[in-house]
Amino acid sequence: MVAIKKIIRNCRQATLLIEKQTTDKLTVKEFLSLRLHLLFCSVCRLFKKQSVAINKMMINLIKAAETNAPKLDDAYKTSLQQQIDEKIGK
């Protein structure tokens, strides 16, 4: 029973390190600990693979949204502002 708890705790720590890796640099100790854990844990290797794929998809979605965002020219903005002003009685 103790061995199962230790494995679960190590997997929990490994998943935290996998996620931390996406935003921060791991310390040498964290990096080595994660590498060692991933050598023996196929579940965490799969989690890492999925996490990397999800992060790449999100980055691509954000880039696509920024690229395809509608651009409003100054004349259209002025027209909208006039309509707003008329509605509120300015």
C-alpha atoms as a PDB file:
ATOM      1  CA  MET A   1       0.000   0.000   0.000  1.00  0.00           C
ATOM      2  CA  VAL A   2       2.853   2.391   0.791  1.00  0.00           C
ATOM      3  CA  ALA A   3       4.437   1.753  -2.630  1.00  0.00           C
ATOM      4  CA  ILE A   4       1.183   2.709  -4.420  1.00  0.00           C
ATOM      5  CA  LYS A   5       0.953   5.979  -2.466  1.00  0.00           C
ATOM      6  CA  LYS A   6       4.561   6.768  -3.341  1.00  0.00           C
ATOM      7  CA  ILE A   7       3.937   6.100  -7.047  1.00  0.00           C
ATOM      8  CA  ILE A   8       0.806   8.271  -7.024  1.00  0.00           C
ATOM      9  CA  ARG A   9       2.697  11.072  -5.276  1.00  0.00           C
ATOM     10  CA  ASN A  10       5.529  10.778  -7.802  1.00  0.00           C
ATOM     11  CA  CYS A  11       3.057  10.872 -10.711  1.00  0.00           C
ATOM     12  CA  ARG A  12       1.369  13.911  -9.215  1.00  0.00           C
ATOM     13  CA  GLN A  13       4.743  15.633  -8.894  1.00  0.00           C
ATOM     14  CA  ALA A  14       5.695  14.593 -12.439  1.00  0.00           C
ATOM     15  CA  THR A  15       2.503  16.049 -13.941  1.00  0.00           C
ATOM     16  CA  LEU A  16       3.129  19.318 -12.086  1.00  0.00           C
ATOM     17  CA  LEU A  17       6.668  19.435 -13.468  1.00  0.00           C
ATOM     18  CA  ILE A  18       5.417  18.651 -16.976  1.00  0.00           C
ATOM     19  CA  GLU A  19       3.038  21.602 -16.788  1.00  0.00           C
ATOM     20  CA  LYS A  20       5.657  23.829 -15.167  1.00  0.00           C
ATOM     21  CA  GLN A  21       7.965  23.059 -18.096  1.00  0.00           C
ATOM     22  CA  THR A  22       5.567  24.819 -20.474  1.00  0.00           C
ATOM     23  CA  THR A  23       5.955  28.186 -18.733  1.00  0.00           C
ATOM     24  CA  ASP A  24       9.144  28.072 -16.651  1.00  0.00           C
ATOM     25  CA  LYS A  25      12.551  26.502 -16.761  1.00  0.00           C
ATOM     26  CA  LEU A  26      12.958  23.519 -14.452  1.00  0.00           C
ATOM     27  CA  THR A  27      15.786  23.373 -11.959  1.00  0.00           C
ATOM     28  CA  VAL A  28      18.426  20.728 -12.554  1.00  0.00           C
ATOM     29  CA  LYS A  29      16.972  18.644  -9.716  1.00  0.00           C
ATOM     30  CA  GLU A  30      13.424  18.924 -11.118  1.00  0.00           C
ATOM     31  CA  PHE A  31      14.616  18.121 -14.637  1.00  0.00           C
ATOM     32  CA  LEU A  32      16.492  15.006 -13.540  1.00  0.00           C
ATOM     33  CA  SER A  33      13.652  13.885 -11.288  1.00  0.00           C
ATOM     34  CA  LEU A  34      11.168  14.205 -14.152  1.00  0.00           C
ATOM     35  CA  ARG A  35      13.456  12.438 -16.635  1.00  0.00           C
ATOM     36  CA  LEU A  36      13.961   9.539 -14.251  1.00  0.00           C
ATOM     37  CA  HIS A  37      10.248   9.258 -13.548  1.00  0.00           C
ATOM     38  CA  LEU A  38       9.370   9.331 -17.261  1.00  0.00           C
ATOM     39  CA  LEU A  39      11.794   6.461 -17.916  1.00  0.00           C
ATOM     40  CA  PHE A  40       9.626   4.157 -15.822  1.00  0.00           C
ATOM     41  CA  CYS A  41       6.111   5.631 -16.045  1.00  0.00           C
ATOM     42  CA  SER A  42       4.261   5.167 -19.315  1.00  0.00           C
ATOM     43  CA  VAL A  43       1.180   6.991 -17.983  1.00  0.00           C
ATOM     44  CA  CYS A  44       3.152  10.173 -17.338  1.00  0.00           C
ATOM     45  CA  ARG A  45       4.896   9.852 -20.720  1.00  0.00           C
ATOM     46  CA  LEU A  46       1.462   9.772 -22.347  1.00  0.00           C
ATOM     47  CA  PHE A  47       0.360  12.757 -20.227  1.00  0.00           C
ATOM     48  CA  LYS A  48       3.420  14.709 -21.370  1.00  0.00           C
ATOM     49  CA  LYS A  49       2.771  13.861 -25.016  1.00  0.00           C
ATOM     50  CA  GLN A  50      -0.858  14.979 -24.719  1.00  0.00           C
ATOM     51  CA  SER A  51       0.077  18.127 -22.806  1.00  0.00           C
ATOM     52  CA  VAL A  52       2.579  19.159 -25.482  1.00  0.00           C
ATOM     53  CA  ALA A  53      -0.012  18.531 -28.224  1.00  0.00           C
ATOM     54  CA  ILE A  54      -2.679  20.579 -26.406  1.00  0.00           C
ATOM     55  CA  ASN A  55      -0.259  23.476 -25.856  1.00  0.00           C
ATOM     56  CA  LYS A  56       0.712  23.488 -29.546  1.00  0.00           C
ATOM     57  CA  MET A  57      -2.967  23.473 -30.590  1.00  0.00           C
ATOM     58  CA  MET A  58      -3.742  26.372 -28.257  1.00  0.00           C
ATOM     59  CA  ILE A  59      -0.821  28.411 -29.590  1.00  0.00           C
ATOM     60  CA  ASN A  60      -2.012  27.763 -33.151  1.00  0.00           C
ATOM     61  CA  LEU A  61      -5.592  28.748 -32.255  1.00  0.00           C
ATOM     62  CA  ILE A  62      -4.411  31.984 -30.652  1.00  0.00           C
ATOM     63  CA  LYS A  63      -2.258  32.831 -33.684  1.00  0.00           C
ATOM     64  CA  ALA A  64      -5.159  32.078 -36.035  1.00  0.00           C
ATOM     65  CA  ALA A  65      -7.527  34.248 -33.995  1.00  0.00           C
ATOM     66  CA  GLU A  66      -5.055  37.133 -34.038  1.00  0.00           C
ATOM     67  CA  THR A  67      -4.495  36.777 -37.784  1.00  0.00           C
ATOM     68  CA  ASN A  68      -8.194  36.553 -38.639  1.00  0.00           C
ATOM     69  CA  ALA A  69      -9.374  39.257 -36.250  1.00  0.00           C
ATOM     70  CA  PRO A  70     -11.494  41.832 -38.049  1.00  0.00           C
ATOM     71  CA  LYS A  71      -9.838  45.196 -38.564  1.00  0.00           C
ATOM     72  CA  LEU A  72     -11.936  48.336 -38.194  1.00  0.00           C
ATOM     73  CA  ASP A  73     -10.889  51.325 -40.269  1.00  0.00           C
ATOM     74  CA  ASP A  74     -11.083  54.845 -38.836  1.00  0.00           C
ATOM     75  CA  ALA A  75     -14.122  55.837 -40.917  1.00  0.00           C
ATOM     76  CA  TYR A  76     -16.119  52.868 -39.594  1.00  0.00           C
ATOM     77  CA  LYS A  77     -15.045  53.638 -36.016  1.00  0.00           C
ATOM     78  CA  THR A  78     -16.154  57.252 -36.427  1.00  0.00           C
ATOM     79  CA  SER A  79     -19.498  56.113 -37.830  1.00  0.00           C
ATOM     80  CA  LEU A  80     -20.038  53.779 -34.880  1.00  0.00           C
ATOM     81  CA  GLN A  81     -19.114  56.523 -32.416  1.00  0.00           C
ATOM     82  CA  GLN A  82     -21.645  58.876 -34.058  1.00  0.00           C
ATOM     83  CA  GLN A  83     -24.365  56.232 -33.822  1.00  0.00           C
ATOM     84  CA  ILE A  84     -23.574  55.685 -30.142  1.00  0.00           C
ATOM     85  CA  ASP A  85     -23.592  59.422 -29.485  1.00  0.00           C
ATOM     86  CA  GLU A  86     -26.983  59.770 -31.205  1.00  0.00           C
ATOM     87  CA  LYS A  87     -28.469  56.922 -29.165  1.00  0.00           C
ATOM     88  CA  ILE A  88     -27.346  58.377 -25.842  1.00  0.00           C
ATOM     89  CA  GLY A  89     -28.433  61.888 -26.832  1.00  0.00           C
ATOM     90  CA  LYS A  90     -25.141  63.690 -27.156  1.00  0.00           C
END
